Amino acid sequence: MTIAAIALVAAMRASASLAAGAAELRARSYAQWSAENRLSQIRVTGEFPPLGRKSFECPQGAVPLRCHEDVFATPNASFRRVEMSVENPSDGHRLARLIGFAVNQP
C-alpha cells in the first residue's frame, strides 16, 4: 500500500508539472503572436513610429498581456529599430521579445 501511495504521489507531481509547462508554453505562444501582430501592423501600414517607449494592452483570446514598444534611431535616418516586449501584467514576467525595423518611405 505504501509503495502504491508513493507512486501515486509521484504521478500527480509529474502531471502537475506537465500542466504548468503547457500553460507557460501557451502564454509564450500568445505573447509571440502579439509582438508579431504589432510589427506586421507597422510594416503593412507603412507606419514610421516616433522614438521612445509606448505601453499598451495586447490580449490574445482570454490571456491578458501587456506590450512594450521601444523605438530607437539607427545610423540611417530612414530606418528605426522597433523592440517589442510582451509580459504577463499580473507578475511582470516577460514572455516574448521581438525586434524589427520600420522604414520611412517617401
Protein backbone atom coordinates (compact mmCIF):
# COMPACT_ATOMS: atom_id res chain seq x y z
CA MET A 1 0.00 0.00 0.00
CA THR A 2 2.84 2.41 0.84
CA ILE A 3 4.54 1.75 -2.49
CA ALA A 4 1.29 2.45 -4.35
CA ALA A 5 0.81 5.71 -2.43
CA ILE A 6 4.35 6.88 -3.23
CA ALA A 7 3.86 6.02 -6.91
CA LEU A 8 0.55 7.88 -6.98
CA VAL A 9 2.10 11.00 -5.41
CA ALA A 10 4.95 10.90 -7.94
CA ALA A 11 2.47 10.57 -10.82
CA MET A 12 0.42 13.50 -9.53
CA ARG A 13 3.55 15.66 -9.27
CA ALA A 14 4.58 14.78 -12.80
CA SER A 15 1.16 15.60 -14.24
CA ALA A 16 1.04 18.92 -12.36
CA SER A 17 4.46 19.80 -13.77
CA LEU A 18 3.30 18.95 -17.30
CA ALA A 19 0.18 21.09 -16.89
CA ALA A 20 2.21 24.08 -15.68
CA GLY A 21 4.62 23.68 -18.59
CA ALA A 22 1.76 23.56 -21.10
CA ALA A 23 0.22 26.73 -19.65
CA GLU A 24 3.57 28.55 -19.85
CA LEU A 25 4.07 27.43 -23.44
CA ARG A 26 0.58 28.63 -24.39
CA ALA A 27 1.19 32.04 -22.78
CA ARG A 28 4.54 32.40 -24.57
CA SER A 29 2.94 31.50 -27.91
CA TYR A 30 0.23 34.12 -27.42
CA ALA A 31 2.85 36.70 -26.43
CA GLN A 32 4.89 35.94 -29.56
CA TRP A 33 1.77 36.38 -31.69
CA SER A 34 1.05 39.76 -30.07
CA ALA A 35 4.56 41.01 -30.82
CA GLU A 36 4.40 39.71 -34.40
CA ASN A 37 0.98 41.33 -34.90
CA ARG A 38 2.30 44.76 -33.92
CA LEU A 39 5.41 44.52 -36.11
CA SER A 40 3.26 43.32 -39.03
CA GLN A 41 0.91 46.25 -38.49
CA ILE A 42 3.87 48.65 -38.73
CA ARG A 43 5.09 47.02 -41.95
CA VAL A 44 1.69 46.79 -43.65
CA THR A 45 0.54 50.33 -42.86
CA GLY A 46 3.95 51.88 -43.54
CA GLU A 47 3.87 53.48 -40.10
CA PHE A 48 7.08 55.24 -39.01
CA PRO A 49 6.69 55.19 -35.21
CA PRO A 50 8.05 58.03 -33.10
CA LEU A 51 11.13 57.46 -30.96
CA GLY A 52 10.52 56.42 -27.38
CA ARG A 53 8.57 53.88 -25.37
CA LYS A 54 4.90 53.05 -25.61
CA SER A 55 3.00 50.51 -23.50
CA PHE A 56 -0.42 49.10 -24.25
CA GLU A 57 -2.65 46.14 -23.54
CA CYS A 58 -2.45 43.41 -26.21
CA PRO A 59 -4.56 40.45 -25.07
CA GLN A 60 -4.83 37.29 -27.12
CA GLY A 61 -8.10 35.47 -26.50
CA ALA A 62 -8.64 35.13 -22.77
CA VAL A 63 -4.95 35.71 -21.97
CA PRO A 64 -4.24 39.26 -20.73
CA LEU A 65 -0.90 40.59 -21.99
CA ARG A 66 0.92 43.93 -21.83
CA CYS A 67 3.11 45.07 -24.73
CA HIS A 68 6.02 47.49 -24.54
CA GLU A 69 7.18 49.04 -27.79
CA ASP A 70 10.62 50.68 -27.74
CA VAL A 71 11.61 52.63 -30.85
CA PHE A 72 15.26 53.57 -31.40
CA ALA A 73 17.03 55.65 -34.03
CA THR A 74 19.52 53.97 -36.34
CA PRO A 75 22.53 55.43 -38.19
CA ASN A 76 20.31 55.65 -41.27
CA ALA A 77 17.57 58.23 -40.61
CA SER A 78 15.14 56.32 -42.87
CA PHE A 79 15.12 53.30 -40.52
CA ARG A 80 14.04 52.80 -36.93
CA ARG A 81 14.59 49.74 -34.75
CA VAL A 82 11.43 48.56 -33.01
CA GLU A 83 11.74 46.26 -29.99
CA MET A 84 8.57 44.58 -28.78
CA SER A 85 8.45 43.05 -25.30
CA VAL A 86 5.36 41.25 -24.08
CA GLU A 87 4.79 40.49 -20.43
CA ASN A 88 2.26 38.96 -18.11
CA PRO A 89 0.57 42.00 -16.49
CA SER A 90 -0.07 40.22 -13.19
CA ASP A 91 3.58 39.49 -12.35
CA GLY A 92 5.63 41.44 -14.93
CA HIS A 93 7.28 38.26 -16.24
CA ARG A 94 8.49 38.79 -19.84
CA LEU A 95 7.09 36.15 -22.14
CA ALA A 96 8.39 37.29 -25.54
CA ARG A 97 10.78 39.76 -27.17
CA LEU A 98 10.93 40.53 -30.86
CA ILE A 99 12.96 43.09 -32.84
CA GLY A 100 12.02 44.56 -36.22
CA PHE A 101 12.60 47.65 -38.32
CA ALA A 102 10.36 50.39 -39.62
CA VAL A 103 11.16 52.16 -42.87
CA ASN A 104 10.29 55.76 -43.75
CA GLN A 105 9.29 55.53 -47.41
CA PRO A 106 8.94 58.84 -49.26
